[in-house]
C-alpha atoms as a PDB file:
ATOM      1  CA  MET A   1      27.194 -13.048 -11.881  1.00  0.00           C
ATOM      2  CA  GLU A   2      24.071 -11.353 -10.570  1.00  0.00           C
ATOM      3  CA  PRO A   3      20.655 -11.280 -12.225  1.00  0.00           C
ATOM      4  CA  THR A   4      19.121  -8.006 -13.432  1.00  0.00           C
ATOM      5  CA  GLY A   5      15.599  -8.579 -14.740  1.00  0.00           C
ATOM      6  CA  ASP A   6      15.734 -11.660 -16.940  1.00  0.00           C
ATOM      7  CA  TYR A   7      19.450 -11.404 -17.706  1.00  0.00           C
ATOM      8  CA  TRP A   8      22.728 -11.878 -15.943  1.00  0.00           C
ATOM      9  CA  ILE A   9      25.343  -9.232 -15.259  1.00  0.00           C
ATOM     10  CA  HIS A  10      28.877 -10.380 -15.919  1.00  0.00           C
ATOM     11  CA  ASN A  11      31.024  -9.503 -12.920  1.00  0.00           C
ATOM     12  CA  LEU A  12      33.679 -12.217 -12.963  1.00  0.00           C
ATOM     13  CA  ASP A  13      37.170 -11.200 -11.877  1.00  0.00           C
ATOM     14  CA  PRO A  14      39.734 -11.777 -14.677  1.00  0.00           C
ATOM     15  CA  LYS A  15      42.425 -12.348 -12.044  1.00  0.00           C
ATOM     16  CA  LEU A  16      42.636 -15.547 -10.052  1.00  0.00           C
ATOM     17  CA  ILE A  17      45.118 -13.938  -7.661  1.00  0.00           C
ATOM     18  CA  HIS A  18      45.806 -10.204  -7.229  1.00  0.00           C
ATOM     19  CA  LEU A  19      49.433  -9.438  -6.412  1.00  0.00           C
ATOM     20  CA  TRP A  20      49.801  -5.670  -6.740  1.00  0.00           C
ATOM     21  CA  GLY A  21      47.408  -3.186  -8.315  1.00  0.00           C
ATOM     22  CA  ASN A  22      46.199  -4.599 -11.609  1.00  0.00           C
ATOM     23  CA  MET A  23      49.014  -7.137 -11.659  1.00  0.00           C
ATOM     24  CA  GLY A  24      48.358 -10.736 -10.789  1.00  0.00           C
ATOM     25  CA  ILE A  25      47.721 -14.241 -12.098  1.00  0.00           C
ATOM     26  CA  SER A  26      45.043 -14.080 -14.789  1.00  0.00           C
ATOM     27  CA  TYR A  27      42.788 -16.836 -16.024  1.00  0.00           C
ATOM     28  CA  TYR A  28      43.816 -15.989 -19.587  1.00  0.00           C
ATOM     29  CA  GLY A  29      47.486 -16.585 -18.838  1.00  0.00           C
ATOM     30  CA  LEU A  30      46.642 -19.787 -16.999  1.00  0.00           C
ATOM     31  CA  SER A  31      44.658 -21.023 -20.003  1.00  0.00           C
ATOM     32  CA  TYR A  32      47.852 -20.983 -22.108  1.00  0.00           C
ATOM     33  CA  VAL A  33      49.890 -22.735 -19.429  1.00  0.00           C
ATOM     34  CA  LEU A  34      47.244 -25.418 -18.877  1.00  0.00           C
ATOM     35  CA  ALA A  35      46.838 -25.956 -22.632  1.00  0.00           C
ATOM     36  CA  PHE A  36      50.551 -26.690 -23.080  1.00  0.00           C
ATOM     37  CA  VAL A  37      50.627 -28.950 -20.002  1.00  0.00           C
ATOM     38  CA  LEU A  38      47.670 -30.978 -21.287  1.00  0.00           C
ATOM     39  CA  GLY A  39      49.317 -31.085 -24.710  1.00  0.00           C
ATOM     40  CA  VAL A  40      52.405 -32.718 -23.194  1.00  0.00           C
ATOM     41  CA  VAL A  41      50.207 -35.228 -21.339  1.00  0.00           C
ATOM     42  CA  MET A  42      48.425 -36.178 -24.575  1.00  0.00           C
ATOM     43  CA  HIS A  43      51.717 -36.460 -26.429  1.00  0.00           C
ATOM     44  CA  ARG A  44      53.121 -38.827 -23.808  1.00  0.00           C
ATOM     45  CA  LEU A  45      50.102 -41.059 -24.446  1.00  0.00           C
ATOM     46  CA  MET A  46      50.809 -40.898 -28.178  1.00  0.00           C
ATOM     47  CA  ILE A  47      54.411 -41.933 -27.547  1.00  0.00           C
ATOM     48  CA  ARG A  48      53.304 -44.936 -25.472  1.00  0.00           C
ATOM     49  CA  ARG A  49      50.840 -45.990 -28.173  1.00  0.00           C
ATOM     50  CA  LYS A  50      53.476 -45.506 -30.894  1.00  0.00           C
ATOM     51  CA  ARG A  51      51.460 -42.751 -32.554  1.00  0.00           C
ATOM     52  CA  SER A  52      54.177 -40.090 -32.463  1.00  0.00           C
ATOM     53  CA  PRO A  53      57.353 -39.704 -34.514  1.00  0.00           C
ATOM     54  CA  PHE A  54      59.026 -37.975 -31.562  1.00  0.00           C
ATOM     55  CA  GLY A  55      60.695 -39.191 -28.400  1.00  0.00           C
ATOM     56  CA  ARG A  56      61.126 -37.307 -25.129  1.00  0.00           C
ATOM     57  CA  GLU A  57      64.090 -35.258 -26.392  1.00  0.00           C
ATOM     58  CA  GLU A  58      62.304 -34.158 -29.568  1.00  0.00           C
ATOM     59  CA  GLU A  59      59.201 -33.423 -27.503  1.00  0.00           C
ATOM     60  CA  GLU A  60      61.087 -30.716 -25.619  1.00  0.00           C
ATOM     61  CA  LEU A  61      62.156 -29.077 -28.881  1.00  0.00           C
ATOM     62  CA  LEU A  62      58.587 -29.250 -30.193  1.00  0.00           C
ATOM     63  CA  LEU A  63      57.144 -27.763 -26.999  1.00  0.00           C
ATOM     64  CA  TYR A  64      59.497 -24.784 -26.837  1.00  0.00           C
ATOM     65  CA  SER A  65      59.022 -24.084 -30.550  1.00  0.00           C
ATOM     66  CA  LEU A  66      55.234 -24.143 -30.230  1.00  0.00           C
ATOM     67  CA  VAL A  67      55.238 -21.907 -27.149  1.00  0.00           C
ATOM     68  CA  LEU A  68      57.243 -19.258 -29.002  1.00  0.00           C
ATOM     69  CA  GLY A  69      55.246 -19.715 -32.186  1.00  0.00           C
ATOM     70  CA  VAL A  70      51.819 -19.509 -30.545  1.00  0.00           C
ATOM     71  CA  LEU A  71      52.535 -16.590 -28.207  1.00  0.00           C
ATOM     72  CA  GLY A  72      54.632 -14.561 -30.643  1.00  0.00           C
ATOM     73  CA  GLY A  73      52.437 -15.262 -33.644  1.00  0.00           C
ATOM     74  CA  ALA A  74      49.177 -14.603 -31.790  1.00  0.00           C
ATOM     75  CA  ARG A  75      50.374 -11.216 -30.522  1.00  0.00           C
ATOM     76  CA  VAL A  76      51.945 -10.035 -33.777  1.00  0.00           C
ATOM     77  CA  GLY A  77      48.959 -11.354 -35.696  1.00  0.00           C
ATOM     78  CA  TYR A  78      46.514  -9.402 -33.559  1.00  0.00           C
ATOM     79  CA  CYS A  79      48.477  -6.171 -33.942  1.00  0.00           C
ATOM     80  CA  VAL A  80      48.821  -6.531 -37.730  1.00  0.00           C
ATOM     81  CA  LEU A  81      45.451  -8.070 -38.608  1.00  0.00           C
ATOM     82  CA  TYR A  82      43.180  -6.323 -36.100  1.00  0.00           C
ATOM     83  CA  ALA A  83      44.976  -3.265 -34.726  1.00  0.00           C
ATOM     84  CA  LEU A  84      47.293  -2.051 -37.476  1.00  0.00           C
ATOM     85  CA  PRO A  85      46.428   1.686 -37.067  1.00  0.00           C
ATOM     86  CA  GLU A  86      47.253   1.460 -33.355  1.00  0.00           C
ATOM     87  CA  LEU A  87      50.507  -0.359 -34.110  1.00  0.00           C
ATOM     88  CA  LEU A  88      51.575   2.222 -36.693  1.00  0.00           C
ATOM     89  CA  ALA A  89      50.746   5.090 -34.349  1.00  0.00           C
ATOM     90  CA  ARG A  90      52.461   3.465 -31.361  1.00  0.00           C
ATOM     91  CA  PRO A  91      54.907   0.692 -32.352  1.00  0.00           C
ATOM     92  CA  TRP A  92      55.477  -0.180 -28.685  1.00  0.00           C
ATOM     93  CA  PHE A  93      51.815  -1.286 -28.612  1.00  0.00           C
ATOM     94  CA  LEU A  94      53.174  -4.641 -29.770  1.00  0.00           C
ATOM     95  CA  PHE A  95      54.670  -5.189 -26.301  1.00  0.00           C
ATOM     96  CA  GLU A  96      51.689  -3.925 -24.269  1.00  0.00           C
ATOM     97  CA  VAL A  97      50.379  -7.431 -23.723  1.00  0.00           C
ATOM     98  CA  TRP A  98      48.682  -6.497 -20.442  1.00  0.00           C
ATOM     99  CA  HIS A  99      45.972  -4.769 -22.504  1.00  0.00           C
ATOM    100  CA  GLY A 100      45.127  -8.101 -24.145  1.00  0.00           C
ATOM    101  CA  GLY A 101      44.986  -8.849 -27.840  1.00  0.00           C
ATOM    102  CA  MET A 102      45.816 -12.285 -29.267  1.00  0.00           C
ATOM    103  CA  SER A 103      44.755 -13.645 -32.649  1.00  0.00           C
ATOM    104  CA  PHE A 104      44.158 -17.264 -33.657  1.00  0.00           C
ATOM    105  CA  HIS A 105      45.079 -16.473 -37.253  1.00  0.00           C
ATOM    106  CA  GLY A 106      48.407 -14.973 -36.170  1.00  0.00           C
ATOM    107  CA  GLY A 107      48.991 -17.888 -33.801  1.00  0.00           C
ATOM    108  CA  LEU A 108      48.398 -20.283 -36.697  1.00  0.00           C
ATOM    109  CA  ILE A 109      51.131 -18.579 -38.710  1.00  0.00           C
ATOM    110  CA  GLY A 110      53.421 -18.859 -35.680  1.00  0.00           C
ATOM    111  CA  VAL A 111      52.667 -22.586 -35.408  1.00  0.00           C
ATOM    112  CA  ILE A 112      53.446 -23.072 -39.112  1.00  0.00           C
ATOM    113  CA  LEU A 113      56.832 -21.404 -38.648  1.00  0.00           C
ATOM    114  CA  ALA A 114      57.477 -23.517 -35.535  1.00  0.00           C
ATOM    115  CA  CYS A 115      56.659 -26.713 -37.448  1.00  0.00           C
ATOM    116  CA  MET A 116      59.056 -25.704 -40.212  1.00  0.00           C
ATOM    117  CA  TRP A 117      61.806 -25.222 -37.637  1.00  0.00           C
ATOM    118  CA  VAL A 118      61.107 -28.588 -35.963  1.00  0.00           C
ATOM    119  CA  LYS A 119      61.084 -30.285 -39.380  1.00  0.00           C
ATOM    120  CA  ARG A 120      64.509 -28.853 -40.106  1.00  0.00           C
ATOM    121  CA  ARG A 121      65.888 -30.067 -36.781  1.00  0.00           C
ATOM    122  CA  THR A 122      64.305 -33.539 -36.683  1.00  0.00           C
ATOM    123  CA  GLY A 123      63.649 -34.594 -40.269  1.00  0.00           C
ATOM    124  CA  VAL A 124      59.986 -35.388 -39.557  1.00  0.00           C
ATOM    125  CA  THR A 125      57.817 -34.053 -42.384  1.00  0.00           C
ATOM    126  CA  PHE A 126      55.937 -30.782 -41.970  1.00  0.00           C
ATOM    127  CA  LEU A 127      52.518 -32.385 -42.480  1.00  0.00           C
ATOM    128  CA  GLN A 128      53.194 -35.183 -39.999  1.00  0.00           C
ATOM    129  CA  ILE A 129      54.069 -32.615 -37.354  1.00  0.00           C
ATOM    130  CA  GLY A 130      50.866 -30.744 -38.166  1.00  0.00           C
ATOM    131  CA  ASP A 131      48.811 -33.933 -37.878  1.00  0.00           C
ATOM    132  CA  LEU A 132      50.322 -34.569 -34.463  1.00  0.00           C
ATOM    133  CA  ILE A 133      49.414 -31.083 -33.188  1.00  0.00           C
ATOM    134  CA  ALA A 134      45.931 -30.900 -34.724  1.00  0.00           C
ATOM    135  CA  PRO A 135      44.149 -33.237 -32.241  1.00  0.00           C
ATOM    136  CA  MET A 136      45.628 -31.278 -29.300  1.00  0.00           C
ATOM    137  CA  ALA A 137      44.961 -27.729 -30.521  1.00  0.00           C
ATOM    138  CA  PRO A 138      41.214 -27.611 -29.664  1.00  0.00           C
ATOM    139  CA  VAL A 139      42.112 -27.911 -25.976  1.00  0.00           C
ATOM    140  CA  GLY A 140      43.884 -24.558 -26.122  1.00  0.00           C
ATOM    141  CA  LEU A 141      41.017 -23.030 -28.106  1.00  0.00           C
ATOM    142  CA  PHE A 142      38.492 -24.238 -25.527  1.00  0.00           C
ATOM    143  CA  LEU A 143      40.444 -22.892 -22.558  1.00  0.00           C
ATOM    144  CA  GLY A 144      41.172 -19.618 -24.331  1.00  0.00           C
ATOM    145  CA  ARG A 145      37.504 -18.961 -25.095  1.00  0.00           C
ATOM    146  CA  ILE A 146      36.496 -19.764 -21.539  1.00  0.00           C
ATOM    147  CA  ALA A 147      39.106 -17.238 -20.392  1.00  0.00           C
ATOM    148  CA  ASN A 148      37.666 -14.700 -22.854  1.00  0.00           C
ATOM    149  CA  PHE A 149      34.278 -15.151 -21.204  1.00  0.00           C
ATOM    150  CA  ILE A 150      35.727 -14.776 -17.711  1.00  0.00           C
ATOM    151  CA  ASN A 151      37.457 -11.584 -18.873  1.00  0.00           C
ATOM    152  CA  GLY A 152      34.162 -10.268 -20.234  1.00  0.00           C
ATOM    153  CA  GLU A 153      35.731  -9.552 -23.639  1.00  0.00           C
ATOM    154  CA  LEU A 154      34.942 -10.469 -27.255  1.00  0.00           C
ATOM    155  CA  TRP A 155      31.240 -10.367 -26.434  1.00  0.00           C
ATOM    156  CA  GLY A 156      28.479 -11.115 -28.903  1.00  0.00           C
ATOM    157  CA  LYS A 157      25.904  -8.984 -30.673  1.00  0.00           C
ATOM    158  CA  VAL A 158      22.892  -7.558 -28.875  1.00  0.00           C
ATOM    159  CA  SER A 159      20.328 -10.281 -28.256  1.00  0.00           C
ATOM    160  CA  TYR A 160      17.287 -10.947 -26.113  1.00  0.00           C
ATOM    161  CA  VAL A 161      17.561 -14.717 -25.928  1.00  0.00           C
ATOM    162  CA  SER A 162      16.968 -16.082 -22.436  1.00  0.00           C
ATOM    163  CA  TRP A 163      20.671 -16.940 -21.959  1.00  0.00           C
ATOM    164  CA  ALA A 164      21.949 -13.511 -23.040  1.00  0.00           C
ATOM    165  CA  VAL A 165      24.474 -11.814 -20.742  1.00  0.00           C
ATOM    166  CA  ILE A 166      25.007  -8.180 -19.801  1.00  0.00           C
ATOM    167  CA  PHE A 167      28.699  -7.333 -20.264  1.00  0.00           C
ATOM    168  CA  PRO A 168      29.513  -4.066 -18.425  1.00  0.00           C
ATOM    169  CA  ARG A 169      32.677  -3.623 -20.522  1.00  0.00           C
ATOM    170  CA  SER A 170      30.546  -3.342 -23.663  1.00  0.00           C
ATOM    171  CA  GLU A 171      29.209   0.051 -22.482  1.00  0.00           C
ATOM    172  CA  PRO A 172      31.710   1.519 -19.982  1.00  0.00           C
ATOM    173  CA  GLY A 173      30.253   4.103 -17.649  1.00  0.00           C
ATOM    174  CA  LEU A 174      26.637   3.005 -17.990  1.00  0.00           C
ATOM    175  CA  ALA A 175      24.660   1.452 -15.169  1.00  0.00           C
ATOM    176  CA  PRO A 176      24.096  -2.291 -15.739  1.00  0.00           C
ATOM    177  CA  GLU A 177      20.337  -1.857 -16.065  1.00  0.00           C
ATOM    178  CA  LEU A 178      20.928   0.450 -19.053  1.00  0.00           C
ATOM    179  CA  ILE A 179      23.258  -1.937 -20.900  1.00  0.00           C
ATOM    180  CA  LEU A 180      21.776  -4.143 -23.597  1.00  0.00           C
ATOM    181  CA  PRO A 181      22.217  -7.927 -23.208  1.00  0.00           C
ATOM    182  CA  ARG A 182      24.385  -9.801 -25.693  1.00  0.00           C
ATOM    183  CA  HIS A 183      25.115 -13.277 -26.961  1.00  0.00           C
ATOM    184  CA  PRO A 184      27.813 -15.033 -24.863  1.00  0.00           C
ATOM    185  CA  SER A 185      29.582 -15.800 -28.140  1.00  0.00           C
ATOM    186  CA  GLN A 186      32.764 -16.779 -26.286  1.00  0.00           C
ATOM    187  CA  LEU A 187      30.925 -19.848 -24.982  1.00  0.00           C
ATOM    188  CA  TYR A 188      29.601 -20.697 -28.447  1.00  0.00           C
ATOM    189  CA  GLU A 189      33.178 -20.717 -29.704  1.00  0.00           C
ATOM    190  CA  ALA A 190      34.402 -22.726 -26.723  1.00  0.00           C
ATOM    191  CA  LEU A 191      31.764 -25.352 -27.477  1.00  0.00           C
ATOM    192  CA  LEU A 192      32.300 -25.619 -31.245  1.00  0.00           C
ATOM    193  CA  GLU A 193      35.941 -24.631 -31.838  1.00  0.00           C
ATOM    194  CA  GLY A 194      37.009 -26.337 -28.622  1.00  0.00           C
ATOM    195  CA  LEU A 195      34.921 -29.258 -27.383  1.00  0.00           C
ATOM    196  CA  VAL A 196      33.219 -30.426 -30.588  1.00  0.00           C
ATOM    197  CA  LEU A 197      36.383 -30.055 -32.673  1.00  0.00           C
ATOM    198  CA  PHE A 198      38.376 -31.909 -29.996  1.00  0.00           C
ATOM    199  CA  ILE A 199      35.965 -34.860 -30.083  1.00  0.00           C
ATOM    200  CA  ILE A 200      36.034 -35.016 -33.889  1.00  0.00           C
ATOM    201  CA  LEU A 201      39.820 -34.972 -34.161  1.00  0.00           C
ATOM    202  CA  GLN A 202      40.418 -37.370 -31.257  1.00  0.00           C
ATOM    203  CA  TRP A 203      38.070 -39.856 -32.890  1.00  0.00           C
ATOM    204  CA  ARG A 204      39.780 -39.390 -36.234  1.00  0.00           C
ATOM    205  CA  PHE A 205      43.250 -39.787 -34.708  1.00  0.00           C
ATOM    206  CA  TRP A 206      42.603 -42.838 -32.527  1.00  0.00           C
ATOM    207  CA  LYS A 207      39.795 -44.708 -34.277  1.00  0.00           C
ATOM    208  CA  THR A 208      40.600 -44.260 -37.974  1.00  0.00           C
ATOM    209  CA  SER A 209      43.629 -44.477 -40.254  1.00  0.00           C
ATOM    210  CA  ALA A 210      43.605 -40.711 -40.954  1.00  0.00           C
ATOM    211  CA  TRP A 211      46.909 -40.265 -39.093  1.00  0.00           C
ATOM    212  CA  ARG A 212      48.614 -42.446 -41.732  1.00  0.00           C
ATOM    213  CA  PHE A 213      47.864 -39.936 -44.499  1.00  0.00           C
ATOM    214  CA  PRO A 214      50.008 -36.835 -43.845  1.00  0.00           C
ATOM    215  CA  GLY A 215      47.983 -33.661 -44.041  1.00  0.00           C
ATOM    216  CA  LYS A 216      44.551 -35.213 -43.581  1.00  0.00           C
ATOM    217  CA  LEU A 217      44.152 -34.380 -39.879  1.00  0.00           C
ATOM    218  CA  SER A 218      45.665 -30.930 -40.388  1.00  0.00           C
ATOM    219  CA  GLY A 219      43.239 -30.292 -43.228  1.00  0.00           C
ATOM    220  CA  GLU A 220      40.267 -31.446 -41.180  1.00  0.00           C
ATOM    221  CA  PHE A 221      41.290 -29.249 -38.265  1.00  0.00           C
ATOM    222  CA  LEU A 222      41.567 -26.152 -40.466  1.00  0.00           C
ATOM    223  CA  PHE A 223      38.350 -26.933 -42.341  1.00  0.00           C
ATOM    224  CA  PHE A 224      36.161 -27.544 -39.295  1.00  0.00           C
ATOM    225  CA  TYR A 225      37.697 -24.677 -37.343  1.00  0.00           C
ATOM    226  CA  ALA A 226      36.924 -22.280 -40.191  1.00  0.00           C
ATOM    227  CA  ILE A 227      33.340 -23.544 -40.472  1.00  0.00           C
ATOM    228  CA  PHE A 228      32.758 -23.169 -36.732  1.00  0.00           C
ATOM    229  CA  ARG A 229      34.461 -19.767 -36.596  1.00  0.00           C
ATOM    230  CA  ILE A 230      32.430 -18.390 -39.500  1.00  0.00           C
ATOM    231  CA  PHE A 231      29.243 -19.633 -37.837  1.00  0.00           C
ATOM    232  CA  CYS A 232      30.150 -18.064 -34.486  1.00  0.00           C
ATOM    233  CA  GLU A 233      31.128 -14.782 -36.133  1.00  0.00           C
ATOM    234  CA  TYR A 234      27.446 -14.344 -36.985  1.00  0.00           C
ATOM    235  CA  PHE A 235      26.742 -13.959 -33.248  1.00  0.00           C
ATOM    236  CA  ARG A 236      29.929 -12.099 -32.313  1.00  0.00           C
ATOM    237  CA  GLU A 237      30.352  -8.325 -32.244  1.00  0.00           C
ATOM    238  CA  PRO A 238      33.111  -7.457 -34.765  1.00  0.00           C
ATOM    239  CA  ASP A 239      36.253  -6.304 -32.934  1.00  0.00           C
ATOM    240  CA  ALA A 240      37.595  -4.347 -35.939  1.00  0.00           C
ATOM    241  CA  SER A 241      36.298  -2.635 -39.061  1.00  0.00           C
ATOM    242  CA  LEU A 242      34.636  -4.887 -41.636  1.00  0.00           C
ATOM    243  CA  PHE A 243      36.240  -6.273 -44.800  1.00  0.00           C
ATOM    244  CA  PHE A 244      33.905  -6.337 -47.807  1.00  0.00           C
ATOM    245  CA  GLY A 245      30.925  -6.185 -45.487  1.00  0.00           C
ATOM    246  CA  ILE A 246      31.986  -9.126 -43.317  1.00  0.00           C
ATOM    247  CA  SER A 247      33.958  -9.369 -40.091  1.00  0.00           C
ATOM    248  CA  ARG A 248      37.704  -9.839 -40.267  1.00  0.00           C
ATOM    249  CA  GLY A 249      37.397 -13.148 -38.439  1.00  0.00           C
ATOM    250  CA  THR A 250      35.126 -14.418 -41.213  1.00  0.00           C
ATOM    251  CA  PHE A 251      37.325 -12.980 -43.967  1.00  0.00           C
ATOM    252  CA  TYR A 252      40.511 -14.625 -42.679  1.00  0.00           C
ATOM    253  CA  SER A 253      38.701 -17.905 -41.950  1.00  0.00           C
ATOM    254  CA  VAL A 254      37.663 -18.287 -45.591  1.00  0.00           C
ATOM    255  CA  PHE A 255      41.330 -18.704 -46.534  1.00  0.00           C
ATOM    256  CA  ILE A 256      41.837 -21.191 -43.701  1.00  0.00           C
ATOM    257  CA  LEU A 257      38.859 -23.207 -44.972  1.00  0.00           C
ATOM    258  CA  LEU A 258      40.256 -23.316 -48.519  1.00  0.00           C
ATOM    259  CA  PHE A 259      43.733 -24.265 -47.295  1.00  0.00           C
ATOM    260  CA  GLY A 260      42.233 -27.041 -45.176  1.00  0.00           C
ATOM    261  CA  LEU A 261      40.376 -28.419 -48.195  1.00  0.00           C
ATOM    262  CA  VAL A 262      43.554 -28.402 -50.275  1.00  0.00           C
ATOM    263  CA  LEU A 263      45.439 -30.328 -47.576  1.00  0.00           C
ATOM    264  CA  TRP A 264      42.651 -32.878 -47.177  1.00  0.00           C
ATOM    265  CA  ILE A 265      42.289 -33.524 -50.924  1.00  0.00           C
ATOM    266  CA  ARG A 266      46.048 -33.816 -51.296  1.00  0.00           C
ATOM    267  CA  ALA A 267      46.234 -36.312 -48.415  1.00  0.00           C
ATOM    268  CA  ALA A 268      43.287 -38.341 -49.745  1.00  0.00           C
ATOM    269  CA  ARG A 269      45.092 -38.792 -53.069  1.00  0.00           C
ATOM    270  CA  ALA A 270      48.433 -39.665 -51.482  1.00  0.00           C
ATOM    271  CA  GLU A 271      49.640 -43.078 -50.403  1.00  0.00           C
ATOM    272  CA  GLU A 272      49.409 -44.272 -46.838  1.00  0.00           C
ATOM    273  CA  ARG A 273      52.496 -43.362 -44.848  1.00  0.00           C
ATOM    274  CA  ALA A 274      53.004 -44.178 -41.184  1.00  0.00           C
ATOM    275  CA  TYR A 275      55.277 -42.271 -38.845  1.00  0.00           C
ATOM    276  CA  PRO A 276      58.972 -43.184 -39.128  1.00  0.00           C
ATOM    277  CA  VAL A 277      59.909 -45.990 -36.784  1.00  0.00           C
ATOM    278  CA  ARG A 278      62.757 -45.107 -34.496  1.00  0.00           C
ATOM    279  CA  GLN A 279      65.279 -47.827 -33.815  1.00  0.00           C
ATOM    280  CA  GLU A 280      65.857 -48.296 -30.133  1.00  0.00           C
ATOM    281  CA  ALA A 281      69.460 -48.352 -29.045  1.00  0.00           C
ATOM    282  CA  ARG A 282      70.676 -51.883 -28.621  1.00  0.00           C
ATOM    283  CA  PRO A 283      72.784 -52.719 -25.574  1.00  0.00           C
ATOM    284  CA  LYS A 284      76.405 -53.114 -26.373  1.00  0.00           C
ATOM    285  CA  THR A 285      77.627 -56.692 -26.119  1.00  0.00           C
ATOM    286  CA  VAL A 286      81.025 -57.454 -24.752  1.00  0.00           C
ATOM    287  CA  PRO A 287      82.884 -59.817 -27.090  1.00  0.00           C
ATOM    288  CA  LYS A 288      83.666 -63.168 -25.537  1.00  0.00           C
ATOM    289  CA  LYS A 289      87.285 -64.048 -25.045  1.00  0.00           C
ATOM    290  CA  LYS A 290      88.440 -67.142 -26.829  1.00  0.00           C
ATOM    291  CA  ASN A 291      89.930 -69.819 -24.642  1.00  0.00           C
ATOM    292  CA  LYS A 292      93.450 -70.542 -25.693  1.00  0.00           C
ATOM    293  CA  LYS A 293      94.561 -74.119 -25.555  1.00  0.00           C
ATOM    294  CA  LYS A 294      97.596 -74.711 -23.536  1.00  0.00           C
END
């Protein structure tokens, strides 16, 4: 970035490596890959500390299900919740992923469907699967928002705070000195929805008994995410038409907040329930031959 007056011009390259034309390895794509890799690392620690109902074989099923759920749900969710007119006019817009467009709310629906599938295959309860994923999810949110900032997208509202940034993509065709500075709202979301939420849920998972009450960690994740998202939406430029005078991100997050409260209250009233203990396979013993008397 280069300074213009008192502000910075965003000129970061969205591609880490350019292969051909506009094709290459993007930071946004890498953020998804790194998030899943770190999720596996954290889950292996949970397995060693006996804080997971899954073994290595079930972990593979969980990983593949979440990858499909997150990517598919986030893309479909964006097209339906934020770009429905475009989707109706051009149905193939759904597959034009190189133009960007992923939605947390759609990804959440995809994760819910993935958890239902894993529950059916493993027998682990839906809420216990959700509580296992909740402490890991903020890592992906943090990396995704950092990638949004690198891409120079999802910028904030016009602002003259000292840390405001000039995003050339906000006013295409204008010279940088003519573009108004804006809040780097992507970084606000990375801090709150990512780092702060990660610290809260890691503390709750490792240092309290919340993980023994199915639904409590899931409820806390949804509740705090919604609070942080609604707060950040105040600084973020709406990326679609408003609903009832508020941004769509705020509108959808209200339902997430209420659902999180319902889960938390339900878990608080329920009895403590630890993860199912898996019996390790015992080595087969060879029966001893009886000595026959001659």
